Amino acid sequence: MDRASWKLFLLSCLVVVGTSAQNLGQTQFICTSVPKDTDLCAATMQNSGPAEDLKITVMQLRETVLQQKETIMNQKETIRELTSKLSRCESQSLPAAGPGGRRPGAKNTMGDVSRGTTDTLAQLGQTLQTLKQRLENLEQYSRGNGTVQANSLKDLLQNKIDDMEKQVLSRVNTIEESRPAPRNDTEQRNRVESTLTSLHHRITDLEKGKDTRPTDKFQLNFPLRTNYMYAKAKRSLPEMFSFSVCLWIKSNASPGVGTPFSYAVLGQANELVLIESGNSPMEILINDKVAKLPFVINDGKWHHLCITWTTRDGMWEAFQDGVMRGSGENLAPYHPIKPEGVLVLGQEQDMLGGGFDATQAYVGELANLNIWNRKLSVAEIYNLATCNSRAPAGNVFSWIESNIEIFGGATKWTFEPCRSLN
């Protein structure tokens, strides 16, 4: 540098702004030389050397700072928007009740925008109260006029209750899936479900014949040959060294009426079976051993059947309508009937509790199936066939509705033995 030409060495200080928050507020001093009489600002602006580069750097840094400020502003705006949405969600979790019990502007998930959840459930509750009153009237009517006339009304009411229950549960589930249920709606749903439960219990009482008929005055109807229509005893049979089994039966199925009942145990599906298959006569099976029975029953009329058996020598007797029609021996001698099995009505079991074959299914009606663990006398069997009041009830299995479960569409009707044998 020419000292004669340059009289003054000045320091030019430029503030450089850093690109991160850690550099904010810090400065850096950069020194350069200019002629003595030169305007410092002009010299700095006109210098095409390092000063010009510094100028460009400063401008770039300033632009970067402005961009960062804009980014921060956008982020703050996003935070405010999210905070606002969160506040709205929190306010919706505990909605203020508007007209009709709905939050203002909310969509009614029950399909009726003009009526809120509380109103709809309240209306369903009133409907159920009406049904309840009709049920009470039905009970009074059935007591005064018998169950035959009341059956159609009872069935109609049961269908209406079932439909209403499905509607209530479906709509309440929809509400719960769409939003948390307010306490009032939950209480209303509990009341509706309680009413439905009460109605079902009272319908069940009617079906059992409460205050109208004895619980043994019923019959089972198996109208079709299927592998799914049957009834089942709720309890097993005990071990038996002798037995008597009696029942009322009505069928005109051909060929063969099928299997009125079958008792299976673990490892033996044919422990005790009554069956008429194809053109063969009716048979009794004990532990897979067979005896042919001299019954003629497929005439579409009611018949009373009784079979007795003892394990000693395998002695058996067969009675139709109170009269002995045949007897024999060597039917599974000295083999006791095993306990802990499954008693099925209307199907033949190929495995414990199942394995049904439609070709062996019973077609017709049956009633008053009773089983004793002893051999009944001729007089007792005659009393059963003639509906004598002194006739005994089964001490192993008795014909009571609470002892039987029905599956697959088998139906149950009122039955009075000996009232009509046609």
Protein backbone atom coordinates (compact mmCIF):
# COMPACT_ATOMS: atom_id res chain seq x y z
CA MET A 1 0.00 0.00 0.00
CA ASP A 2 1.35 3.56 -1.00
CA ARG A 3 1.73 5.49 2.31
CA ALA A 4 1.93 8.87 0.42
CA SER A 5 -1.36 8.26 -1.27
CA TRP A 6 -3.07 6.86 1.75
CA LYS A 7 -3.04 9.20 4.70
CA LEU A 8 -5.62 7.53 6.78
CA PHE A 9 -6.36 4.00 7.68
CA LEU A 10 -9.87 3.71 8.84
CA LEU A 11 -11.69 0.82 10.30
CA SER A 12 -14.98 -0.01 8.58
CA CYS A 13 -17.18 -1.98 10.89
CA LEU A 14 -20.00 -4.02 9.45
CA VAL A 15 -22.47 -5.85 11.56
CA VAL A 16 -23.10 -9.35 10.33
CA VAL A 17 -26.25 -11.05 11.59
CA GLY A 18 -25.94 -14.80 12.24
CA THR A 19 -28.33 -17.33 10.87
CA SER A 20 -29.29 -18.93 14.16
CA ALA A 21 -30.79 -17.76 17.43
CA GLN A 22 -27.47 -18.40 19.21
CA ASN A 23 -25.75 -15.71 17.10
CA LEU A 24 -28.44 -13.05 17.62
CA GLY A 25 -27.06 -10.02 19.51
CA GLN A 26 -23.38 -10.83 18.65
CA THR A 27 -21.23 -8.65 16.29
CA GLN A 28 -18.07 -9.15 14.23
CA PHE A 29 -15.69 -6.33 13.18
CA ILE A 30 -14.12 -6.39 9.72
CA CYS A 31 -11.42 -3.83 8.78
CA THR A 32 -10.57 -2.37 5.33
CA SER A 33 -8.59 0.73 4.01
CA VAL A 34 -9.91 3.73 2.04
CA PRO A 35 -8.22 7.01 0.63
CA LYS A 36 -8.01 9.91 3.02
CA ASP A 37 -10.48 12.24 1.28
CA THR A 38 -12.93 9.55 0.21
CA ASP A 39 -16.44 9.36 1.52
CA LEU A 40 -16.44 6.25 3.65
CA CYS A 41 -19.99 5.20 2.82
CA ALA A 42 -19.51 5.80 -0.91
CA ALA A 43 -16.17 4.03 -0.90
CA THR A 44 -17.74 1.07 0.81
CA MET A 45 -20.61 0.93 -1.70
CA GLN A 46 -18.39 1.41 -4.78
CA ASN A 47 -15.63 -0.94 -3.81
CA SER A 48 -15.90 -3.99 -6.02
CA GLY A 49 -13.52 -5.97 -3.88
CA PRO A 50 -14.10 -7.64 -0.54
CA ALA A 51 -16.58 -4.93 0.52
CA GLU A 52 -18.89 -5.83 -2.33
CA ASP A 53 -18.79 -9.48 -1.28
CA LEU A 54 -19.56 -8.48 2.28
CA LYS A 55 -22.47 -6.39 1.06
CA ILE A 56 -23.91 -9.38 -0.78
CA THR A 57 -23.44 -11.56 2.27
CA VAL A 58 -25.20 -9.06 4.48
CA MET A 59 -28.13 -8.86 2.06
CA GLN A 60 -28.39 -12.65 1.95
CA LEU A 61 -28.29 -12.90 5.72
CA ARG A 62 -30.95 -10.23 6.02
CA GLU A 63 -33.17 -12.17 3.59
CA THR A 64 -32.61 -15.33 5.62
CA VAL A 65 -33.66 -13.56 8.80
CA LEU A 66 -36.83 -12.29 7.14
CA GLN A 67 -37.68 -15.80 5.92
CA GLN A 68 -37.16 -17.19 9.40
CA LYS A 69 -39.44 -14.56 10.87
CA GLU A 70 -42.12 -15.48 8.33
CA THR A 71 -41.73 -19.18 9.17
CA ILE A 72 -42.11 -18.45 12.88
CA MET A 73 -45.25 -16.44 12.21
CA ASN A 74 -46.73 -19.33 10.19
CA GLN A 75 -45.92 -21.77 12.97
CA LYS A 76 -47.56 -19.52 15.54
CA GLU A 77 -50.67 -19.37 13.34
CA THR A 78 -50.72 -23.18 13.08
CA ILE A 79 -50.42 -23.47 16.84
CA ARG A 80 -53.34 -21.08 17.34
CA GLU A 81 -55.46 -23.05 14.88
CA LEU A 82 -54.70 -26.38 16.58
CA THR A 83 -55.40 -24.86 19.97
CA SER A 84 -58.75 -23.61 18.71
CA LYS A 85 -59.68 -27.06 17.34
CA LEU A 86 -58.68 -28.71 20.62
CA SER A 87 -60.88 -26.30 22.53
CA ARG A 88 -63.83 -27.10 20.26
CA CYS A 89 -63.29 -30.84 20.74
CA GLU A 90 -63.18 -30.42 24.51
CA SER A 91 -66.39 -28.40 24.44
CA GLN A 92 -68.09 -31.11 22.30
CA SER A 93 -67.21 -33.88 24.76
CA LEU A 94 -69.57 -32.21 27.26
CA PRO A 95 -72.14 -30.60 24.95
CA ALA A 96 -74.59 -28.03 26.10
CA ALA A 97 -78.10 -29.23 25.53
CA GLY A 98 -79.87 -27.30 22.84
CA PRO A 99 -83.45 -27.62 21.62
CA GLY A 100 -84.60 -31.22 21.66
CA GLY A 101 -81.63 -32.27 23.82
CA ARG A 102 -79.11 -31.88 20.97
CA ARG A 103 -75.94 -29.84 20.77
CA PRO A 104 -76.56 -26.93 18.35
CA GLY A 105 -75.43 -27.80 14.85
CA ALA A 106 -74.81 -31.46 15.67
CA LYS A 107 -75.92 -34.24 13.33
CA ASN A 108 -78.57 -36.56 14.72
CA THR A 109 -77.13 -40.05 14.23
CA MET A 110 -80.51 -41.69 14.71
CA GLY A 111 -81.67 -40.62 11.29
CA ASP A 112 -84.16 -37.93 12.32
CA VAL A 113 -82.64 -34.44 12.30
CA SER A 114 -85.76 -32.94 13.83
CA ARG A 115 -85.55 -34.98 17.03
CA GLY A 116 -82.59 -35.42 19.41
CA THR A 117 -81.30 -38.53 21.14
CA THR A 118 -83.09 -37.90 24.42
CA ASP A 119 -86.41 -37.25 22.68
CA THR A 120 -86.12 -40.41 20.59
CA LEU A 121 -85.26 -42.63 23.52
CA ALA A 122 -88.06 -41.04 25.55
CA GLN A 123 -90.52 -41.85 22.77
CA LEU A 124 -89.25 -45.45 22.64
CA GLY A 125 -89.72 -45.66 26.41
CA GLN A 126 -93.32 -44.49 26.06
CA THR A 127 -93.91 -47.06 23.34
CA LEU A 128 -92.56 -49.79 25.57
CA GLN A 129 -94.83 -48.63 28.39
CA THR A 130 -97.76 -49.00 25.99
CA LEU A 131 -96.60 -52.51 25.10
CA LYS A 132 -96.30 -53.28 28.80
CA GLN A 133 -99.90 -52.23 29.37
CA ARG A 134 -101.02 -54.39 26.45
CA LEU A 135 -99.11 -57.31 27.97
CA GLU A 136 -100.93 -56.83 31.27
CA ASN A 137 -104.23 -56.84 29.40
CA LEU A 138 -103.11 -60.02 27.62
CA GLU A 139 -102.34 -61.71 30.94
CA GLN A 140 -105.76 -60.81 32.30
CA TYR A 141 -107.39 -62.00 29.07
CA SER A 142 -105.50 -65.30 29.14
CA ARG A 143 -106.56 -65.95 32.74
CA GLY A 144 -110.20 -65.40 31.86
CA ASN A 145 -110.35 -67.11 28.47
CA GLY A 146 -107.56 -69.67 28.35
CA THR A 147 -104.33 -69.67 26.40
CA VAL A 148 -105.67 -70.87 23.06
CA GLN A 149 -107.42 -67.58 22.27
CA ALA A 150 -104.57 -65.50 23.72
CA ASN A 151 -101.77 -67.21 21.79
CA SER A 152 -102.12 -65.04 18.68
CA LEU A 153 -102.10 -61.82 20.71
CA LYS A 154 -99.12 -63.02 22.73
CA ASP A 155 -97.15 -63.88 19.59
CA LEU A 156 -97.95 -60.52 18.02
CA LEU A 157 -96.82 -58.70 21.14
CA GLN A 158 -93.63 -60.75 21.36
CA ASN A 159 -92.76 -59.85 17.76
CA LYS A 160 -93.33 -56.16 18.44
CA ILE A 161 -91.14 -56.30 21.54
CA ASP A 162 -88.35 -58.07 19.65
CA ASP A 163 -88.44 -55.47 16.87
CA MET A 164 -88.44 -52.63 19.38
CA GLU A 165 -85.51 -54.13 21.26
CA LYS A 166 -83.45 -54.44 18.09
CA GLN A 167 -84.30 -50.86 17.14
CA VAL A 168 -83.36 -49.46 20.54
CA LEU A 169 -80.08 -51.35 20.81
CA SER A 170 -79.09 -50.52 17.23
CA ARG A 171 -79.72 -46.82 17.66
CA VAL A 172 -78.06 -46.58 21.05
CA ASN A 173 -74.99 -48.40 19.71
CA THR A 174 -74.86 -45.92 16.83
CA ILE A 175 -74.90 -43.05 19.30
CA GLU A 176 -72.12 -44.57 21.39
CA GLU A 177 -69.92 -45.10 18.34
CA SER A 178 -70.36 -41.52 17.15
CA ARG A 179 -69.79 -39.66 20.43
CA PRO A 180 -69.56 -40.21 24.18
CA ALA A 181 -73.06 -40.74 25.56
CA PRO A 182 -74.30 -38.07 28.00
CA ARG A 183 -75.36 -39.36 31.38
CA ASN A 184 -79.05 -38.72 30.73
CA ASP A 185 -79.00 -40.86 27.57
CA THR A 186 -77.22 -43.69 29.41
CA GLU A 187 -79.81 -43.63 32.18
CA GLN A 188 -82.62 -43.62 29.60
CA ARG A 189 -81.08 -46.61 27.82
CA ASN A 190 -80.79 -48.50 31.13
CA ARG A 191 -84.48 -47.85 31.80
CA VAL A 192 -85.46 -49.09 28.33
CA GLU A 193 -83.35 -52.25 28.67
CA SER A 194 -84.80 -52.88 32.13
CA THR A 195 -88.32 -52.59 30.71
CA LEU A 196 -87.46 -54.99 27.89
CA THR A 197 -86.02 -57.51 30.33
CA SER A 198 -89.15 -57.33 32.47
CA LEU A 199 -91.37 -57.83 29.42
CA HIS A 200 -89.37 -60.85 28.26
CA HIS A 201 -89.62 -62.43 31.70
CA ARG A 202 -93.36 -61.97 31.74
CA ILE A 203 -93.70 -63.38 28.21
CA THR A 204 -91.67 -66.39 29.36
CA ASP A 205 -94.06 -66.84 32.26
CA LEU A 206 -96.95 -66.86 29.81
CA GLU A 207 -95.21 -69.45 27.61
CA LYS A 208 -94.67 -71.64 30.64
CA GLY A 209 -98.39 -71.47 31.30
CA LYS A 210 -98.18 -69.51 34.55
CA ASP A 211 -101.66 -69.07 36.05
CA THR A 212 -103.20 -70.66 32.94
CA ARG A 213 -102.22 -74.34 32.66
CA PRO A 214 -99.95 -76.96 34.28
CA THR A 215 -96.38 -76.99 32.99
CA ASP A 216 -96.69 -80.58 31.71
CA LYS A 217 -99.64 -79.90 29.39
CA PHE A 218 -97.69 -79.32 26.19
CA GLN A 219 -96.53 -81.14 23.08
CA LEU A 220 -93.59 -80.77 20.70
CA ASN A 221 -94.12 -80.61 16.94
CA PHE A 222 -91.44 -81.63 14.41
CA PRO A 223 -93.00 -80.84 11.01
CA LEU A 224 -90.00 -81.55 8.76
CA ARG A 225 -87.16 -84.01 8.34
CA THR A 226 -84.09 -81.91 9.10
CA ASN A 227 -80.76 -82.36 10.86
CA TYR A 228 -81.23 -79.24 12.98
CA MET A 229 -84.74 -79.41 14.48
CA TYR A 230 -84.76 -81.08 17.89
CA ALA A 231 -85.25 -80.73 21.65
CA LYS A 232 -82.83 -81.65 24.42
CA ALA A 233 -83.19 -82.54 28.09
CA LYS A 234 -81.35 -80.13 30.38
CA ARG A 235 -80.20 -82.94 32.68
CA SER A 236 -78.66 -86.32 32.07
CA LEU A 237 -79.97 -89.72 33.15
CA PRO A 238 -78.50 -91.62 36.10
CA GLU A 239 -77.15 -95.14 35.95
CA MET A 240 -80.13 -97.50 35.56
CA PHE A 241 -80.36 -101.29 35.97
CA SER A 242 -83.98 -101.16 34.82
CA PHE A 243 -86.22 -98.55 33.28
CA SER A 244 -89.65 -97.70 31.95
CA VAL A 245 -90.10 -95.08 29.22
CA CYS A 246 -93.56 -93.89 28.15
CA LEU A 247 -94.77 -91.19 25.76
CA TRP A 248 -97.65 -89.99 23.59
CA ILE A 249 -96.90 -89.96 19.87
CA LYS A 250 -98.71 -88.91 16.70
CA SER A 251 -97.27 -89.32 13.21
CA ASN A 252 -98.17 -90.39 9.68
CA ALA A 253 -94.66 -90.10 8.26
CA SER A 254 -93.65 -92.65 5.65
CA PRO A 255 -91.44 -94.53 5.31
CA GLY A 256 -90.76 -94.65 9.04
CA VAL A 257 -91.55 -92.01 11.63
CA GLY A 258 -87.87 -91.53 12.51
CA THR A 259 -86.37 -91.19 15.99
CA PRO A 260 -88.66 -89.97 18.79
CA PHE A 261 -85.74 -89.94 21.25
CA SER A 262 -82.10 -91.00 21.61
CA TYR A 263 -79.79 -91.17 24.62
CA ALA A 264 -76.03 -91.16 23.99
CA VAL A 265 -73.04 -91.39 26.33
CA LEU A 266 -69.37 -90.89 25.79
CA GLY A 267 -68.14 -93.72 23.57
CA GLN A 268 -71.64 -95.08 22.82
CA ALA A 269 -74.06 -93.06 20.66
CA ASN A 270 -76.76 -95.78 20.85
CA GLU A 271 -77.01 -96.25 24.60
CA LEU A 272 -80.83 -96.00 24.52
CA VAL A 273 -82.71 -95.23 21.29
CA LEU A 274 -86.29 -95.53 20.01
CA ILE A 275 -86.35 -95.47 16.20
CA GLU A 276 -88.42 -96.46 13.18
CA SER A 277 -86.37 -96.23 10.01
CA GLY A 278 -87.52 -96.92 6.47
CA ASN A 279 -89.92 -99.84 6.12
CA SER A 280 -88.56 -101.60 9.21
CA PRO A 281 -90.71 -101.85 12.36
CA MET A 282 -90.00 -99.63 15.36
CA GLU A 283 -86.96 -100.74 17.36
CA ILE A 284 -85.51 -100.17 20.82
CA LEU A 285 -81.69 -100.05 20.97
CA ILE A 286 -79.70 -100.55 24.19
CA ASN A 287 -75.92 -100.42 23.90
CA ASP A 288 -76.31 -101.10 20.14
CA LYS A 289 -78.36 -104.25 20.81
CA VAL A 290 -81.74 -104.26 19.03
CA ALA A 291 -85.26 -105.50 19.77
CA LYS A 292 -88.07 -105.10 17.25
CA LEU A 293 -91.29 -103.69 18.72
CA PRO A 294 -94.81 -104.63 17.57
CA PHE A 295 -96.08 -101.07 17.27
CA VAL A 296 -98.32 -99.71 14.50
CA ILE A 297 -98.47 -95.94 14.92
CA ASN A 298 -98.02 -94.11 11.61
CA ASP A 299 -101.75 -93.54 11.07
CA GLY A 300 -101.82 -89.86 12.04
CA LYS A 301 -103.52 -90.57 15.41
CA TRP A 302 -102.34 -90.20 18.99
CA HIS A 303 -100.96 -93.36 20.57
CA HIS A 304 -99.54 -94.06 24.00
CA LEU A 305 -96.35 -96.17 24.02
CA CYS A 306 -94.49 -97.74 26.95
CA ILE A 307 -91.35 -99.89 26.99
CA THR A 308 -89.99 -101.55 30.13
CA TRP A 309 -86.61 -103.28 30.55
CA THR A 310 -84.45 -104.88 33.21
CA THR A 311 -80.75 -105.67 32.94
CA ARG A 312 -81.27 -109.15 34.39
CA ASP A 313 -81.59 -111.41 31.34
CA GLY A 314 -82.39 -108.32 29.26
CA MET A 315 -86.15 -108.73 29.72
CA TRP A 316 -88.36 -106.17 27.89
CA GLU A 317 -92.09 -105.51 27.39
CA ALA A 318 -93.88 -103.23 24.90
CA PHE A 319 -97.29 -101.58 25.49
CA GLN A 320 -99.41 -99.62 22.98
CA ASP A 321 -102.44 -97.67 24.25
CA GLY A 322 -102.28 -99.46 27.62
CA VAL A 323 -102.19 -102.99 26.18
CA MET A 324 -99.11 -105.24 26.06
CA ARG A 325 -98.25 -105.98 22.44
CA GLY A 326 -95.01 -107.93 22.86
CA SER A 327 -92.12 -108.97 25.10
CA GLY A 328 -88.70 -110.58 24.88
CA GLU A 329 -85.34 -111.18 26.52
CA ASN A 330 -81.57 -111.04 25.92
CA LEU A 331 -81.69 -107.34 25.09
CA ALA A 332 -78.30 -106.11 26.33
CA PRO A 333 -78.42 -108.37 29.40
CA TYR A 334 -76.46 -107.25 32.46
CA HIS A 335 -75.56 -103.94 30.86
CA PRO A 336 -76.69 -101.00 33.02
CA ILE A 337 -77.69 -97.78 31.27
CA LYS A 338 -74.72 -95.47 31.73
CA PRO A 339 -75.03 -92.00 33.31
CA GLU A 340 -73.72 -88.57 32.22
CA GLY A 341 -75.17 -88.73 28.73
CA VAL A 342 -77.34 -86.51 26.50
CA LEU A 343 -81.06 -87.11 25.91
CA VAL A 344 -82.27 -85.71 22.56
CA LEU A 345 -85.85 -85.65 21.26
CA GLY A 346 -86.49 -85.82 17.52
CA GLN A 347 -82.99 -86.83 16.33
CA GLU A 348 -80.71 -89.87 16.35
CA GLN A 349 -77.22 -89.11 17.67
CA ASP A 350 -74.14 -90.41 15.87
CA MET A 351 -71.94 -88.68 18.45
CA LEU A 352 -72.55 -87.28 21.90
CA GLY A 353 -75.09 -84.46 21.48
CA GLY A 354 -74.83 -84.26 17.67
CA GLY A 355 -74.08 -85.96 14.36
CA PHE A 356 -77.72 -85.78 13.30
CA ASP A 357 -78.93 -87.33 10.04
CA ALA A 358 -82.06 -85.86 8.44
CA THR A 359 -83.16 -89.27 7.15
CA GLN A 360 -83.44 -90.49 10.77
CA ALA A 361 -85.20 -87.39 12.13
CA TYR A 362 -88.60 -87.73 13.74
CA VAL A 363 -91.58 -86.23 11.89
CA GLY A 364 -94.75 -85.70 13.89
CA GLU A 365 -95.82 -84.74 17.39
CA LEU A 366 -94.89 -86.15 20.77
CA ALA A 367 -95.77 -85.40 24.39
CA ASN A 368 -95.57 -86.65 27.97
CA LEU A 369 -92.22 -88.40 27.66
CA ASN A 370 -91.46 -89.77 31.15
CA ILE A 371 -88.67 -92.10 32.30
CA TRP A 372 -88.47 -94.15 35.51
CA ASN A 373 -85.54 -96.18 36.87
CA ARG A 374 -87.81 -99.11 37.57
CA LYS A 375 -90.24 -101.38 35.78
CA LEU A 376 -93.78 -100.03 35.90
CA SER A 377 -96.65 -102.40 36.61
CA VAL A 378 -99.33 -103.21 34.06
CA ALA A 379 -101.84 -101.18 36.10
CA GLU A 380 -99.57 -98.11 36.19
CA ILE A 381 -99.09 -98.25 32.44
CA TYR A 382 -102.84 -98.56 31.90
CA ASN A 383 -103.45 -95.53 34.12
CA LEU A 384 -100.99 -93.53 32.04
CA ALA A 385 -102.66 -94.55 28.77
CA THR A 386 -106.15 -93.67 30.09
CA CYS A 387 -105.01 -90.43 31.81
CA ASN A 388 -105.96 -91.69 35.26
CA SER A 389 -105.17 -89.19 38.00
CA ARG A 390 -103.24 -91.89 39.89
CA ALA A 391 -100.71 -92.25 37.05
CA PRO A 392 -97.14 -91.65 38.27
CA ALA A 393 -94.73 -89.09 36.86
CA GLY A 394 -91.22 -90.00 35.74
CA ASN A 395 -88.75 -90.00 38.63
CA VAL A 396 -85.71 -89.89 36.32
CA PHE A 397 -87.05 -87.58 33.63
CA SER A 398 -90.42 -85.85 33.86
CA TRP A 399 -92.31 -84.01 31.14
CA ILE A 400 -92.01 -80.41 32.39
CA GLU A 401 -91.24 -77.43 30.18
CA SER A 402 -88.36 -76.26 32.36
CA ASN A 403 -86.60 -79.61 31.77
CA ILE A 404 -86.45 -79.18 27.96
CA GLU A 405 -84.70 -76.86 25.51
CA ILE A 406 -86.00 -76.49 21.93
CA PHE A 407 -83.76 -75.88 18.89
CA GLY A 408 -83.99 -75.37 15.13
CA GLY A 409 -87.63 -74.35 14.81
CA ALA A 410 -89.40 -77.16 16.62
CA THR A 411 -92.64 -75.76 18.01
CA LYS A 412 -94.53 -76.18 21.27
CA TRP A 413 -98.32 -76.35 21.64
CA THR A 414 -100.86 -76.93 24.39
CA PHE A 415 -101.68 -80.61 24.80
CA GLU A 416 -104.31 -82.41 26.85
CA PRO A 417 -103.76 -86.19 26.81
CA CYS A 418 -106.87 -88.29 26.26
CA ARG A 419 -108.99 -85.24 25.43
CA SER A 420 -108.99 -86.45 21.88
CA LEU A 421 -107.28 -89.52 20.47
CA ASN A 422 -107.78 -88.34 16.87
